[in-house]
N, C-alpha and C. Protein backbone atom coordinates (compact mmCIF):
# COMPACT_ATOMS: atom_id res chain seq x y z
N MET A 1 12.31 -0.50 27.13
CA MET A 1 11.20 -0.82 27.81
C MET A 1 11.15 -2.60 27.61
N LYS A 2 11.83 -2.99 26.62
CA LYS A 2 12.19 -4.55 26.28
C LYS A 2 12.67 -5.00 27.62
N LYS A 3 13.58 -4.37 28.18
CA LYS A 3 14.28 -5.02 29.31
C LYS A 3 13.40 -4.83 30.74
N LEU A 4 12.54 -3.99 30.51
CA LEU A 4 11.59 -4.07 31.79
C LEU A 4 10.46 -5.15 31.32
N LEU A 5 10.16 -5.29 30.17
CA LEU A 5 9.00 -6.29 29.91
C LEU A 5 9.58 -7.64 30.17
N LYS A 6 10.83 -7.99 29.96
CA LYS A 6 11.53 -9.14 30.00
C LYS A 6 11.46 -9.64 31.52
N LYS A 7 11.69 -8.76 32.32
CA LYS A 7 11.49 -8.88 33.71
C LYS A 7 10.20 -9.31 34.14
N ARG A 8 9.16 -8.94 33.43
CA ARG A 8 8.14 -9.11 33.83
C ARG A 8 7.14 -10.31 33.61
N VAL A 9 7.57 -10.91 32.33
CA VAL A 9 6.74 -11.97 31.56
C VAL A 9 7.71 -12.99 31.48
N PRO A 10 7.33 -14.49 31.30
CA PRO A 10 7.90 -15.48 30.94
C PRO A 10 8.74 -15.31 29.82
N GLU A 11 9.62 -16.11 29.53
CA GLU A 11 10.49 -16.09 28.07
C GLU A 11 9.67 -16.28 26.91
N LYS A 12 8.71 -17.26 27.13
CA LYS A 12 7.96 -17.40 25.84
C LYS A 12 6.87 -16.33 25.72
N ARG A 13 6.59 -15.67 26.81
CA ARG A 13 5.64 -14.77 26.51
C ARG A 13 6.46 -13.25 26.00
N TYR A 14 7.45 -13.11 26.37
CA TYR A 14 8.26 -12.24 25.91
C TYR A 14 8.84 -12.42 24.28
N GLU A 15 9.16 -13.48 24.07
CA GLU A 15 9.43 -13.81 22.41
C GLU A 15 8.00 -13.41 21.75
N HIS A 16 6.96 -13.78 21.99
CA HIS A 16 5.72 -13.41 21.66
C HIS A 16 5.51 -12.09 21.44
N SER A 17 5.60 -11.50 22.24
CA SER A 17 5.63 -9.88 22.48
C SER A 17 6.08 -9.16 21.19
N LYS A 18 7.48 -9.61 21.21
CA LYS A 18 8.71 -9.25 20.19
C LYS A 18 8.07 -9.34 18.88
N ARG A 19 7.60 -10.55 18.76
CA ARG A 19 6.97 -10.86 17.32
C ARG A 19 5.75 -10.12 17.13
N VAL A 20 4.82 -9.78 18.12
CA VAL A 20 3.72 -9.06 17.89
C VAL A 20 4.27 -7.58 17.69
N ALA A 21 5.18 -7.14 18.19
CA ALA A 21 5.81 -5.67 17.86
C ALA A 21 6.16 -5.66 16.50
N ALA A 22 7.06 -6.61 16.05
CA ALA A 22 7.51 -6.74 14.62
C ALA A 22 6.27 -6.86 13.43
N THR A 23 5.42 -7.73 13.70
CA THR A 23 4.16 -7.79 12.88
C THR A 23 3.18 -6.53 12.78
N ALA A 24 3.02 -5.56 14.10
CA ALA A 24 2.42 -4.65 14.25
C ALA A 24 2.90 -3.65 13.12
N GLU A 25 4.56 -3.54 13.42
CA GLU A 25 5.23 -2.41 12.60
C GLU A 25 5.07 -2.84 11.02
N GLU A 26 5.02 -3.90 10.87
CA GLU A 26 5.03 -4.34 9.29
C GLU A 26 3.28 -4.09 8.69
N MET A 27 2.62 -4.11 9.64
CA MET A 27 1.19 -3.85 9.18
C MET A 27 1.17 -2.43 9.21
N ALA A 28 1.84 -1.70 10.21
CA ALA A 28 1.36 -0.01 10.20
C ALA A 28 2.35 0.31 8.91
N LEU A 29 3.15 -0.27 8.33
CA LEU A 29 3.58 0.34 6.97
C LEU A 29 2.70 -0.20 6.04
N VAL A 30 2.22 -1.22 5.82
CA VAL A 30 1.29 -1.55 4.67
C VAL A 30 0.23 -0.64 4.93
N TYR A 31 -0.57 -0.17 5.98
CA TYR A 31 -1.75 0.47 6.07
C TYR A 31 -1.70 1.95 6.33
N GLY A 32 -0.27 2.45 6.60
CA GLY A 32 -0.18 3.82 6.63
C GLY A 32 -0.51 4.37 8.03
N VAL A 33 -0.16 3.37 9.15
CA VAL A 33 -0.32 3.86 10.46
C VAL A 33 0.98 4.05 11.07
N ASP A 34 1.04 4.92 12.16
CA ASP A 34 2.36 5.21 12.63
C ASP A 34 2.94 3.80 13.12
N GLU A 35 4.12 3.62 12.54
CA GLU A 35 4.96 2.77 12.92
C GLU A 35 5.74 2.59 14.23
N GLY A 36 5.77 3.46 14.85
CA GLY A 36 6.55 3.78 16.30
C GLY A 36 5.26 3.09 17.33
N LYS A 37 4.42 3.69 16.92
CA LYS A 37 3.11 3.67 17.88
C LYS A 37 2.74 2.29 17.78
N ALA A 38 2.70 1.62 16.71
CA ALA A 38 2.20 -0.05 16.38
C ALA A 38 3.23 -0.78 17.02
N ARG A 39 4.55 -0.50 16.91
CA ARG A 39 5.76 -1.09 17.45
C ARG A 39 5.44 -1.38 18.97
N MET A 40 5.36 -0.04 19.59
CA MET A 40 5.32 0.04 20.97
C MET A 40 4.05 -0.74 21.58
N ALA A 41 3.02 -0.48 21.05
CA ALA A 41 1.83 -1.39 21.57
C ALA A 41 1.71 -2.69 21.58
N GLY A 42 2.66 -3.15 20.24
CA GLY A 42 2.50 -4.62 20.11
C GLY A 42 3.78 -5.10 21.15
N LEU A 43 4.41 -4.53 21.55
CA LEU A 43 5.25 -4.98 22.50
C LEU A 43 5.09 -4.97 23.85
N LEU A 44 4.33 -4.16 24.12
CA LEU A 44 3.71 -3.91 25.28
C LEU A 44 2.23 -4.42 25.79
N HIS A 45 1.92 -5.02 24.84
CA HIS A 45 0.07 -5.61 24.88
C HIS A 45 0.05 -6.70 26.09
N ASP A 46 0.81 -7.36 26.20
CA ASP A 46 0.95 -8.37 27.03
C ASP A 46 1.57 -8.00 28.76
N TRP A 47 1.75 -6.87 28.77
CA TRP A 47 2.32 -6.18 30.14
C TRP A 47 2.05 -6.92 31.33
N ASP A 48 0.71 -7.15 31.40
CA ASP A 48 0.21 -7.97 32.58
C ASP A 48 0.00 -9.08 32.47
N LYS A 49 0.36 -9.91 31.44
CA LYS A 49 0.05 -11.12 31.45
C LYS A 49 0.98 -12.18 32.13
N GLY A 50 1.89 -11.69 32.74
CA GLY A 50 2.77 -12.64 33.68
C GLY A 50 1.99 -12.63 35.14
N LEU A 51 1.12 -11.69 35.48
CA LEU A 51 0.58 -11.80 36.71
C LEU A 51 -0.58 -12.98 36.67
N SER A 52 -0.82 -13.34 37.95
CA SER A 52 -1.89 -14.40 38.28
C SER A 52 -3.44 -13.57 37.75
N LEU A 53 -4.26 -14.35 37.69
CA LEU A 53 -5.66 -13.87 37.18
C LEU A 53 -6.16 -13.14 38.69
N ASP A 54 -5.65 -13.66 39.94
CA ASP A 54 -6.40 -12.66 41.31
C ASP A 54 -5.41 -11.32 41.23
N GLU A 55 -4.09 -11.22 40.69
CA GLU A 55 -3.36 -10.06 40.78
C GLU A 55 -4.02 -9.15 39.74
N GLN A 56 -4.27 -9.74 38.56
CA GLN A 56 -5.09 -8.76 37.49
C GLN A 56 -6.57 -8.57 38.20
N ARG A 57 -7.17 -9.27 38.87
CA ARG A 57 -8.49 -8.75 39.46
C ARG A 57 -8.03 -7.54 40.43
N ALA A 58 -7.15 -7.74 41.22
CA ALA A 58 -6.32 -6.82 42.05
C ALA A 58 -6.50 -5.39 41.47
N ARG A 59 -5.88 -5.58 40.47
CA ARG A 59 -5.50 -4.18 39.47
C ARG A 59 -6.52 -3.36 39.15
N VAL A 60 -7.83 -4.39 38.64
CA VAL A 60 -9.15 -3.57 38.57
C VAL A 60 -9.46 -2.56 40.02
N ASP A 61 -9.25 -2.90 41.05
CA ASP A 61 -9.58 -2.33 42.08
C ASP A 61 -8.43 -1.36 42.27
N GLU A 62 -7.48 -1.36 42.09
CA GLU A 62 -6.40 -0.81 42.11
C GLU A 62 -6.28 0.81 41.56
N PHE A 63 -6.96 0.59 40.22
CA PHE A 63 -6.94 1.39 39.33
C PHE A 63 -8.52 2.08 39.17
N GLY A 64 -9.20 1.34 39.77
CA GLY A 64 -10.72 1.96 39.63
C GLY A 64 -11.41 1.81 38.24
N LEU A 65 -10.87 0.53 37.79
CA LEU A 65 -11.54 0.50 36.42
C LEU A 65 -12.88 0.07 36.23
N ASP A 66 -13.56 0.55 35.08
CA ASP A 66 -14.89 0.23 34.91
C ASP A 66 -14.85 -1.05 34.02
N ILE A 67 -14.92 -2.08 34.91
CA ILE A 67 -14.95 -3.44 34.05
C ILE A 67 -16.33 -4.17 34.51
N ASP A 68 -16.81 -4.80 33.50
CA ASP A 68 -18.06 -5.49 33.58
C ASP A 68 -17.62 -6.78 34.60
N PRO A 69 -18.65 -6.80 35.67
CA PRO A 69 -18.24 -7.99 36.84
C PRO A 69 -18.64 -9.26 36.34
N LEU A 70 -19.10 -9.44 34.91
CA LEU A 70 -19.05 -10.88 34.34
C LEU A 70 -17.53 -11.15 33.91
N ILE A 71 -16.88 -10.24 33.33
CA ILE A 71 -15.58 -10.33 33.14
C ILE A 71 -14.56 -10.81 34.22
N ILE A 72 -14.76 -10.12 35.36
CA ILE A 72 -13.91 -10.35 36.50
C ILE A 72 -14.24 -11.73 37.01
N THR A 73 -15.52 -12.00 36.93
CA THR A 73 -15.73 -13.34 37.66
C THR A 73 -15.64 -14.64 36.81
N ASP A 74 -16.11 -14.49 35.59
CA ASP A 74 -15.90 -15.72 34.46
C ASP A 74 -15.20 -15.50 33.33
N MET A 75 -14.64 -14.45 33.10
CA MET A 75 -13.58 -14.26 31.95
C MET A 75 -12.45 -13.29 32.37
N PRO A 76 -11.79 -13.76 33.32
CA PRO A 76 -10.79 -12.73 33.69
C PRO A 76 -9.59 -12.97 32.70
N TYR A 77 -9.60 -13.91 31.76
CA TYR A 77 -8.32 -13.91 30.84
C TYR A 77 -8.57 -12.42 29.67
N LEU A 78 -9.70 -11.73 29.88
CA LEU A 78 -9.99 -10.67 29.02
C LEU A 78 -9.11 -9.49 29.93
N LEU A 79 -8.88 -9.44 31.36
CA LEU A 79 -8.47 -8.42 32.13
C LEU A 79 -7.11 -7.62 31.58
N HIS A 80 -6.21 -8.62 31.09
CA HIS A 80 -4.77 -8.25 31.11
C HIS A 80 -4.54 -6.95 29.93
N GLY A 81 -5.65 -6.53 29.21
CA GLY A 81 -5.47 -5.48 28.40
C GLY A 81 -5.92 -4.01 29.08
N PRO A 82 -6.82 -4.16 29.75
CA PRO A 82 -7.15 -2.78 30.18
C PRO A 82 -6.44 -2.71 31.39
N THR A 83 -6.03 -3.76 32.21
CA THR A 83 -5.33 -3.49 33.43
C THR A 83 -3.80 -3.08 33.04
N ALA A 84 -3.36 -3.90 31.78
CA ALA A 84 -1.93 -3.31 31.56
C ALA A 84 -2.16 -2.05 31.20
N ALA A 85 -2.94 -1.50 30.18
CA ALA A 85 -2.98 0.08 29.83
C ALA A 85 -3.30 1.13 30.93
N ALA A 86 -3.81 0.72 32.08
CA ALA A 86 -4.28 1.48 33.02
C ALA A 86 -2.69 1.48 33.94
N ALA A 87 -1.77 0.35 34.17
CA ALA A 87 -0.69 0.35 35.08
C ALA A 87 0.60 1.20 34.21
N LEU A 88 0.37 1.03 32.81
CA LEU A 88 1.61 1.50 32.15
C LEU A 88 1.43 2.88 31.94
N GLY A 89 0.04 3.64 32.12
CA GLY A 89 -0.27 4.91 31.79
C GLY A 89 0.28 5.47 33.18
N ALA A 90 -0.05 4.86 34.08
CA ALA A 90 0.37 5.33 35.44
C ALA A 90 1.84 5.42 35.73
N GLU A 91 2.44 4.48 35.48
CA GLU A 91 3.88 4.23 35.64
C GLU A 91 4.69 5.26 34.71
N PHE A 92 4.15 5.02 33.30
CA PHE A 92 5.01 5.91 32.37
C PHE A 92 4.00 7.01 31.56
N PRO A 93 3.79 7.83 32.16
CA PRO A 93 2.72 8.87 31.82
C PRO A 93 3.10 9.61 30.28
N GLU A 94 4.26 9.22 30.02
CA GLU A 94 4.80 9.86 28.61
C GLU A 94 4.15 8.85 27.22
N LEU A 95 4.05 7.90 27.64
CA LEU A 95 3.27 6.49 26.88
C LEU A 95 2.02 7.64 26.07
N ASP A 96 2.05 7.35 24.58
CA ASP A 96 1.17 8.00 23.62
C ASP A 96 -0.44 7.25 24.29
N ARG A 97 -1.48 8.16 24.24
CA ARG A 97 -2.56 7.58 24.82
C ARG A 97 -3.27 6.37 23.61
N ASP A 98 -3.04 6.99 22.49
CA ASP A 98 -3.17 5.85 21.27
C ASP A 98 -2.62 4.32 21.65
N VAL A 99 -1.49 4.56 22.08
CA VAL A 99 -0.62 2.95 22.25
C VAL A 99 -1.54 2.38 23.35
N LEU A 100 -1.68 3.38 24.72
CA LEU A 100 -2.50 2.88 25.85
C LEU A 100 -3.95 2.12 25.38
N GLN A 101 -4.44 2.91 24.52
CA GLN A 101 -5.87 2.24 24.00
C GLN A 101 -5.83 1.10 23.49
N ALA A 102 -4.74 1.03 22.44
CA ALA A 102 -4.84 -0.02 21.74
C ALA A 102 -4.45 -1.46 22.51
N ILE A 103 -3.69 -1.16 23.43
CA ILE A 103 -3.35 -2.12 24.59
C ILE A 103 -4.93 -2.69 25.27
N ALA A 104 -5.40 -1.66 25.80
CA ALA A 104 -6.61 -2.02 26.40
C ALA A 104 -7.61 -2.63 25.86
N ARG A 105 -7.62 -2.37 23.96
CA ARG A 105 -8.73 -3.05 23.48
C ARG A 105 -8.22 -4.35 22.59
N HIS A 106 -7.12 -4.65 23.17
CA HIS A 106 -6.79 -6.06 22.44
C HIS A 106 -7.10 -7.41 22.84
N THR A 107 -7.57 -7.42 23.92
CA THR A 107 -8.37 -8.63 24.39
C THR A 107 -9.74 -8.79 23.66
N SER A 108 -10.58 -7.77 23.91
CA SER A 108 -12.11 -7.96 23.51
C SER A 108 -12.46 -7.16 22.55
N GLY A 109 -11.66 -6.13 21.84
CA GLY A 109 -12.09 -5.14 20.62
C GLY A 109 -12.93 -4.41 21.25
N SER A 110 -13.38 -3.53 20.13
CA SER A 110 -14.47 -2.40 20.39
C SER A 110 -15.18 -2.24 19.02
N ARG A 111 -16.49 -1.87 19.22
CA ARG A 111 -17.09 -1.24 17.87
C ARG A 111 -16.61 0.02 17.36
N ASN A 112 -15.60 0.66 17.96
CA ASN A 112 -15.05 1.88 17.78
C ASN A 112 -13.33 1.74 17.57
N MET A 113 -12.99 0.82 16.84
CA MET A 113 -11.66 0.47 16.95
C MET A 113 -11.08 1.40 15.93
N THR A 114 -9.86 2.02 16.36
CA THR A 114 -9.06 2.98 15.54
C THR A 114 -7.91 2.05 14.56
N PRO A 115 -7.35 2.39 13.61
CA PRO A 115 -6.37 1.76 12.81
C PRO A 115 -5.57 1.00 13.73
N LEU A 116 -4.98 1.86 14.54
CA LEU A 116 -3.76 1.43 15.59
C LEU A 116 -4.45 0.39 16.58
N ASP A 117 -5.82 0.47 16.65
CA ASP A 117 -6.38 -0.89 17.51
C ASP A 117 -6.26 -2.08 16.67
N MET A 118 -6.89 -1.91 15.63
CA MET A 118 -7.20 -3.06 14.62
C MET A 118 -5.61 -3.69 14.21
N ILE A 119 -4.63 -2.96 14.40
CA ILE A 119 -3.56 -3.31 14.07
C ILE A 119 -2.93 -4.28 15.06
N VAL A 120 -3.13 -3.79 16.27
CA VAL A 120 -2.46 -4.57 17.61
C VAL A 120 -3.31 -5.68 17.77
N TYR A 121 -4.68 -5.76 17.78
CA TYR A 121 -5.46 -6.79 17.83
C TYR A 121 -4.89 -7.87 16.58
N THR A 122 -5.24 -7.76 15.38
CA THR A 122 -4.59 -8.57 14.48
C THR A 122 -3.34 -9.18 14.82
N ALA A 123 -2.41 -8.09 14.57
CA ALA A 123 -1.15 -8.81 14.97
C ALA A 123 -0.73 -9.62 16.03
N ASP A 124 -1.50 -9.63 17.09
CA ASP A 124 -1.59 -10.48 18.12
C ASP A 124 -1.87 -12.06 17.60
N LEU A 125 -2.71 -11.97 16.78
CA LEU A 125 -3.29 -13.36 16.08
C LEU A 125 -2.59 -13.89 14.98
N ILE A 126 -1.87 -12.95 14.41
CA ILE A 126 -1.30 -13.56 13.26
C ILE A 126 0.38 -13.76 13.16
N GLU A 127 0.90 -13.19 14.19
CA GLU A 127 2.24 -13.09 14.44
C GLU A 127 2.86 -14.25 14.04
N PRO A 128 4.17 -14.67 13.51
CA PRO A 128 4.74 -15.92 13.10
C PRO A 128 4.62 -17.14 13.99
N GLY A 129 4.46 -16.72 15.60
CA GLY A 129 4.40 -18.08 16.34
C GLY A 129 3.05 -18.59 16.21
N ARG A 130 2.06 -18.03 15.93
CA ARG A 130 0.64 -18.68 15.93
C ARG A 130 0.59 -19.71 14.91
N ASP A 131 0.04 -20.83 15.14
CA ASP A 131 -0.30 -21.80 14.44
C ASP A 131 -1.80 -22.37 14.73
N TYR A 132 -2.72 -21.96 13.88
CA TYR A 132 -4.02 -22.25 13.94
C TYR A 132 -4.58 -22.21 12.44
N LYS A 133 -6.05 -23.03 12.60
CA LYS A 133 -6.55 -23.02 10.86
C LYS A 133 -6.72 -21.69 10.64
N ARG A 134 -6.32 -21.40 8.98
CA ARG A 134 -6.56 -20.28 8.28
C ARG A 134 -5.40 -19.38 8.75
N VAL A 135 -4.63 -19.36 9.60
CA VAL A 135 -3.75 -18.32 9.90
C VAL A 135 -2.71 -17.52 8.94
N LYS A 136 -2.39 -18.87 8.10
CA LYS A 136 -1.52 -18.56 6.79
C LYS A 136 -2.09 -17.76 5.93
N SER A 137 -3.27 -18.11 5.66
CA SER A 137 -4.21 -17.55 4.75
C SER A 137 -4.58 -15.88 5.20
N ILE A 138 -4.63 -15.54 6.42
CA ILE A 138 -5.07 -14.36 7.33
C ILE A 138 -3.60 -13.59 7.01
N ARG A 139 -2.56 -14.07 6.97
CA ARG A 139 -1.29 -13.25 6.57
C ARG A 139 -1.27 -12.86 5.56
N LYS A 140 -1.68 -13.82 4.45
CA LYS A 140 -1.40 -13.58 3.00
C LYS A 140 -2.14 -12.63 2.79
N ALA A 141 -3.37 -12.39 3.20
CA ALA A 141 -4.43 -11.48 2.89
C ALA A 141 -4.04 -9.94 3.31
N MET A 142 -2.78 -10.08 3.95
CA MET A 142 -2.39 -8.37 4.43
C MET A 142 -1.88 -7.65 3.06
N GLY A 143 -2.76 -6.66 3.00
CA GLY A 143 -2.16 -5.53 1.96
C GLY A 143 -3.05 -5.85 0.72
N THR A 144 -3.82 -7.02 0.59
CA THR A 144 -4.72 -7.29 -0.40
C THR A 144 -6.30 -6.90 0.02
N VAL A 145 -6.46 -6.98 1.21
CA VAL A 145 -7.63 -6.42 1.59
C VAL A 145 -7.57 -4.98 2.74
N SER A 146 -8.75 -4.36 2.94
CA SER A 146 -8.51 -3.25 3.58
C SER A 146 -8.08 -3.77 4.98
N LEU A 147 -7.72 -2.86 5.95
CA LEU A 147 -7.17 -3.12 7.29
C LEU A 147 -8.40 -3.77 7.85
N GLN A 148 -9.62 -2.92 8.02
CA GLN A 148 -10.79 -3.34 8.71
C GLN A 148 -11.27 -4.93 8.49
N GLU A 149 -11.15 -4.94 7.07
CA GLU A 149 -11.36 -6.17 6.30
C GLU A 149 -10.52 -7.47 6.87
N LEU A 150 -9.29 -7.29 7.25
CA LEU A 150 -8.21 -7.96 7.77
C LEU A 150 -8.57 -8.28 9.15
N TYR A 151 -8.95 -7.34 10.00
CA TYR A 151 -9.49 -7.49 11.33
C TYR A 151 -10.56 -8.07 11.45
N PHE A 152 -11.74 -7.94 10.66
CA PHE A 152 -12.55 -8.94 10.30
C PHE A 152 -12.17 -10.15 10.38
N LEU A 153 -11.40 -10.74 9.41
CA LEU A 153 -11.15 -12.12 9.29
C LEU A 153 -10.37 -12.68 10.66
N ALA A 154 -9.65 -12.04 11.05
CA ALA A 154 -8.90 -12.09 12.64
C ALA A 154 -9.98 -12.64 13.54
N PHE A 155 -10.83 -11.69 13.68
CA PHE A 155 -11.82 -11.51 14.70
C PHE A 155 -12.83 -12.90 14.44
N LYS A 156 -13.02 -13.10 13.19
CA LYS A 156 -14.16 -14.33 12.89
C LYS A 156 -13.67 -15.51 13.31
N ASN A 157 -12.19 -15.78 13.30
CA ASN A 157 -11.43 -16.70 13.80
C ASN A 157 -11.98 -16.97 15.53
N ILE A 158 -11.46 -15.85 16.27
CA ILE A 158 -11.75 -15.79 17.53
C ILE A 158 -13.56 -16.15 17.89
N TYR A 159 -14.16 -15.74 17.04
CA TYR A 159 -15.76 -15.88 17.54
C TYR A 159 -16.11 -17.34 16.74
N GLU A 160 -15.32 -17.89 16.08
CA GLU A 160 -15.59 -19.25 15.80
C GLU A 160 -15.17 -20.22 16.76
N PHE A 161 -13.89 -19.60 17.22
CA PHE A 161 -13.15 -20.55 18.38
C PHE A 161 -14.22 -20.70 19.58
N LEU A 162 -14.54 -19.55 19.90
CA LEU A 162 -15.48 -19.49 21.08
C LEU A 162 -16.74 -20.32 20.89
N ILE A 163 -17.28 -20.39 19.72
CA ILE A 163 -18.38 -21.31 19.54
C ILE A 163 -18.07 -22.71 19.52
N GLY A 164 -17.04 -22.83 18.89
CA GLY A 164 -16.54 -24.43 18.77
C GLY A 164 -16.27 -24.88 19.83
N GLN A 165 -15.66 -24.28 20.96
CA GLN A 165 -15.21 -24.54 22.18
C GLN A 165 -16.45 -24.74 23.29
N ASN A 166 -17.44 -24.25 22.72
CA ASN A 166 -18.54 -23.84 23.71
C ASN A 166 -18.25 -23.03 24.88
N ARG A 167 -17.42 -22.12 24.66
CA ARG A 167 -16.83 -20.95 25.46
C ARG A 167 -17.83 -19.89 25.67
N MET A 168 -18.00 -19.45 26.80
CA MET A 168 -18.66 -18.12 27.17
C MET A 168 -18.14 -17.24 26.51
N MET A 169 -18.97 -16.25 25.83
CA MET A 169 -18.70 -15.07 24.97
C MET A 169 -19.38 -14.00 25.79
N HIS A 170 -18.71 -12.73 25.84
CA HIS A 170 -19.20 -11.53 26.56
C HIS A 170 -20.04 -11.09 25.21
N PRO A 171 -20.85 -10.33 26.08
CA PRO A 171 -21.84 -9.47 25.21
C PRO A 171 -21.30 -8.68 24.07
N GLN A 172 -20.21 -7.78 24.65
CA GLN A 172 -19.23 -7.04 24.06
C GLN A 172 -18.84 -7.66 22.62
N THR A 173 -18.30 -9.03 22.82
CA THR A 173 -17.57 -9.51 21.68
C THR A 173 -18.91 -9.85 20.64
N ALA A 174 -20.22 -10.15 21.12
CA ALA A 174 -21.23 -10.40 20.01
C ALA A 174 -21.48 -9.12 19.13
N ALA A 175 -21.56 -7.91 20.27
CA ALA A 175 -21.60 -6.66 19.74
C ALA A 175 -20.56 -6.20 18.57
N VAL A 176 -19.42 -6.69 19.01
CA VAL A 176 -18.27 -6.24 18.01
C VAL A 176 -18.77 -6.96 16.77
N TRP A 177 -19.15 -8.27 16.78
CA TRP A 177 -19.18 -9.25 15.62
C TRP A 177 -20.53 -8.46 14.49
N ASN A 178 -21.30 -8.04 15.39
CA ASN A 178 -22.62 -7.77 14.77
C ASN A 178 -22.05 -6.55 13.89
N HIS A 179 -21.51 -5.83 14.51
CA HIS A 179 -21.06 -4.48 13.95
C HIS A 179 -20.14 -4.76 12.67
N LEU A 180 -19.27 -5.43 12.73
CA LEU A 180 -18.43 -5.99 11.73
C LEU A 180 -19.06 -6.64 10.60
N VAL A 181 -19.99 -7.56 10.73
CA VAL A 181 -20.62 -8.16 9.77
C VAL A 181 -21.53 -6.73 8.96
N TYR A 182 -22.35 -5.99 9.87
CA TYR A 182 -22.95 -4.72 9.25
C TYR A 182 -22.05 -4.26 8.26
N GLN A 183 -20.85 -4.00 8.79
CA GLN A 183 -19.68 -2.99 7.99
C GLN A 183 -19.39 -3.82 6.80
N MET A 184 -19.31 -5.09 6.97
CA MET A 184 -18.83 -5.55 5.75
C MET A 184 -19.95 -5.82 4.83
N GLN A 185 -21.22 -5.67 5.28
CA GLN A 185 -22.32 -5.78 4.02
C GLN A 185 -22.46 -4.29 3.58
N ILE A 186 -22.08 -3.49 4.23
CA ILE A 186 -22.21 -2.02 3.71
C ILE A 186 -21.23 -2.03 2.43
N LYS A 187 -19.79 -2.45 2.74
CA LYS A 187 -18.66 -2.37 1.89
C LYS A 187 -19.20 -3.13 0.86
N SER A 188 -19.76 -4.40 0.82
CA SER A 188 -20.16 -5.14 -0.13
C SER A 188 -21.00 -4.55 -1.27
N THR A 189 -22.22 -3.98 -0.42
CA THR A 189 -23.20 -3.33 -1.32
C THR A 189 -22.69 -2.35 -2.08
N ASN A 190 -22.02 -1.29 -1.37
CA ASN A 190 -21.29 -0.01 -1.84
C ASN A 190 -20.56 -0.51 -3.18
N ARG A 191 -19.67 -1.55 -3.16
CA ARG A 191 -18.63 -2.15 -4.24
C ARG A 191 -19.70 -2.41 -5.30
N ALA A 192 -20.76 -3.21 -5.09
CA ALA A 192 -21.27 -3.50 -6.11
C ALA A 192 -22.31 -2.74 -6.85
N GLU A 193 -22.73 -1.52 -5.95
CA GLU A 193 -23.30 -0.35 -6.74
C GLU A 193 -22.45 0.25 -7.53
N ALA A 194 -21.21 0.52 -7.50
CA ALA A 194 -20.12 1.28 -7.95
C ALA A 194 -19.53 0.53 -9.17
N ALA A 195 -19.68 -1.02 -9.09
CA ALA A 195 -19.34 -1.67 -10.26
C ALA A 195 -20.66 -1.55 -11.13
N PHE A 196 -21.85 -1.44 -10.51
CA PHE A 196 -22.92 -1.14 -11.48
C PHE A 196 -23.08 0.06 -12.38
N GLN A 197 -22.77 1.11 -11.47
CA GLN A 197 -22.73 2.33 -12.01
C GLN A 197 -21.74 2.58 -13.10
N ALA A 198 -20.34 2.01 -12.95
CA ALA A 198 -19.63 2.02 -13.83
C ALA A 198 -19.76 1.10 -15.27
N GLY A 199 -20.98 0.58 -15.38
CA GLY A 199 -21.19 -0.27 -16.36
C GLY A 199 -21.05 -1.94 -16.39
N SER A 200 -20.46 -2.41 -14.96
CA SER A 200 -20.26 -3.65 -15.12
C SER A 200 -21.47 -4.43 -14.97
N GLN A 201 -21.33 -5.72 -14.84
CA GLN A 201 -22.59 -6.62 -14.43
C GLN A 201 -22.91 -6.46 -13.17
N LEU A 202 -24.26 -6.74 -12.94
CA LEU A 202 -24.41 -6.48 -11.43
C LEU A 202 -23.91 -7.68 -10.51
N GLU A 203 -23.72 -8.84 -11.22
CA GLU A 203 -22.92 -9.62 -10.53
C GLU A 203 -21.46 -9.65 -10.63
N ALA A 204 -20.92 -8.46 -10.15
CA ALA A 204 -19.77 -8.08 -10.22
C ALA A 204 -18.82 -8.81 -9.53
N GLN A 205 -17.48 -8.67 -9.67
CA GLN A 205 -16.39 -9.44 -8.62
C GLN A 205 -16.77 -9.19 -7.28
N PRO A 206 -16.85 -10.45 -6.27
CA PRO A 206 -17.01 -10.54 -5.07
C PRO A 206 -15.83 -9.47 -4.37
N THR A 207 -16.48 -8.83 -3.07
CA THR A 207 -15.76 -7.91 -2.40
C THR A 207 -14.38 -8.76 -1.97
N ASP A 208 -13.47 -7.84 -1.83
CA ASP A 208 -11.92 -8.43 -1.56
C ASP A 208 -12.11 -9.40 -0.61
N TRP A 209 -12.87 -9.23 0.57
CA TRP A 209 -12.49 -9.78 1.83
C TRP A 209 -13.62 -11.11 1.71
N ILE A 210 -14.41 -11.15 0.75
CA ILE A 210 -15.11 -12.25 0.52
C ILE A 210 -14.23 -13.18 -0.42
N ALA A 211 -13.75 -12.41 -1.29
CA ALA A 211 -12.77 -13.50 -2.37
C ALA A 211 -11.51 -14.13 -1.30
N ALA A 212 -11.03 -13.21 -0.50
CA ALA A 212 -10.05 -13.72 0.26
C ALA A 212 -9.96 -14.70 1.18
N GLU A 213 -11.53 -14.83 1.78
CA GLU A 213 -12.00 -15.62 2.55
C GLU A 213 -12.35 -17.09 1.62
N ARG A 214 -12.57 -16.88 0.50
CA ARG A 214 -13.05 -17.86 -0.10
C ARG A 214 -11.91 -18.65 -0.74
N ALA A 215 -10.85 -18.14 -0.65
CA ALA A 215 -9.44 -18.67 -1.41
C ALA A 215 -8.64 -19.21 -0.34
N MET A 216 -9.24 -19.14 1.08
CA MET A 216 -8.34 -19.53 2.16
C MET A 216 -8.47 -21.17 2.02
N PRO A 217 -7.43 -21.66 2.13
CA PRO A 217 -7.28 -23.37 2.44
C PRO A 217 -7.64 -23.33 4.06
N GLU A 218 -7.44 -24.82 4.45
CA GLU A 218 -7.82 -25.42 5.72
C GLU A 218 -6.63 -25.04 6.38
N ASP A 219 -5.48 -24.72 5.93
CA ASP A 219 -4.22 -24.63 6.41
C ASP A 219 -4.00 -26.06 7.15
C-alpha cells in the first residue's frame, strides 16, 4: 500500500502519512488497540488528499455519499476523509471496516468515535512533523491521560483554531465539541465522587486531563 500511496500524493504528504502511521501504531500500543489497524488507517488516511477539491466533490457523486451540502460547497477540505474511505473500500474490499471508518472520521470527528477513530484523528494532529501551539504538551500527555482525554485535548486545539481564525465551523464539529465537554464533565464528577467516597478531601486532585492541560506550556 505504501507504493500505491506514494504514487497518489506529493512527497510531503507521503512522509506525513508515514509519520501518522507510526504515531498511530505507538498510540495503539499505549492504549491497547489493534496496532495493525492503527498503522494501516494512519498510512491511508490522506489517500484522496492528492486530488483537487473538484475531484473530491466528484467522488461524492461517484460513490453516492451522504454528505451535507454545506461541506461540499463551503468546507470541501473535510471531504477527503469520507471519499478516501469509500474509494479504498471499493478498490480494496479486503480492508477492515474499522480501518475505513477511522479514515472517514479523521476530518470532522464524530460523537461516537471508537478507540481506533480517536487514535487516527489524534495521530494526524500530533505526529512529529506537526508544529503548533501546545502540540509538544499533547504528545507528552500520551499515556498519562485516557485516550478519550487525549483526543479531547487534540480536538480542542482544532476548535480553538477555527474560532481564532474566524473560520466556518460545521454544526457536527460543534456537536462533537459539546459531546466531549459533557463527557469530560462526567469523568471529572465521577472521579471527585470516588475520591470523596474513599475518604479524600472533597477538593481532590484535579482530573488527569485538567491537570495535563494546566501543565501545558505555550510551546
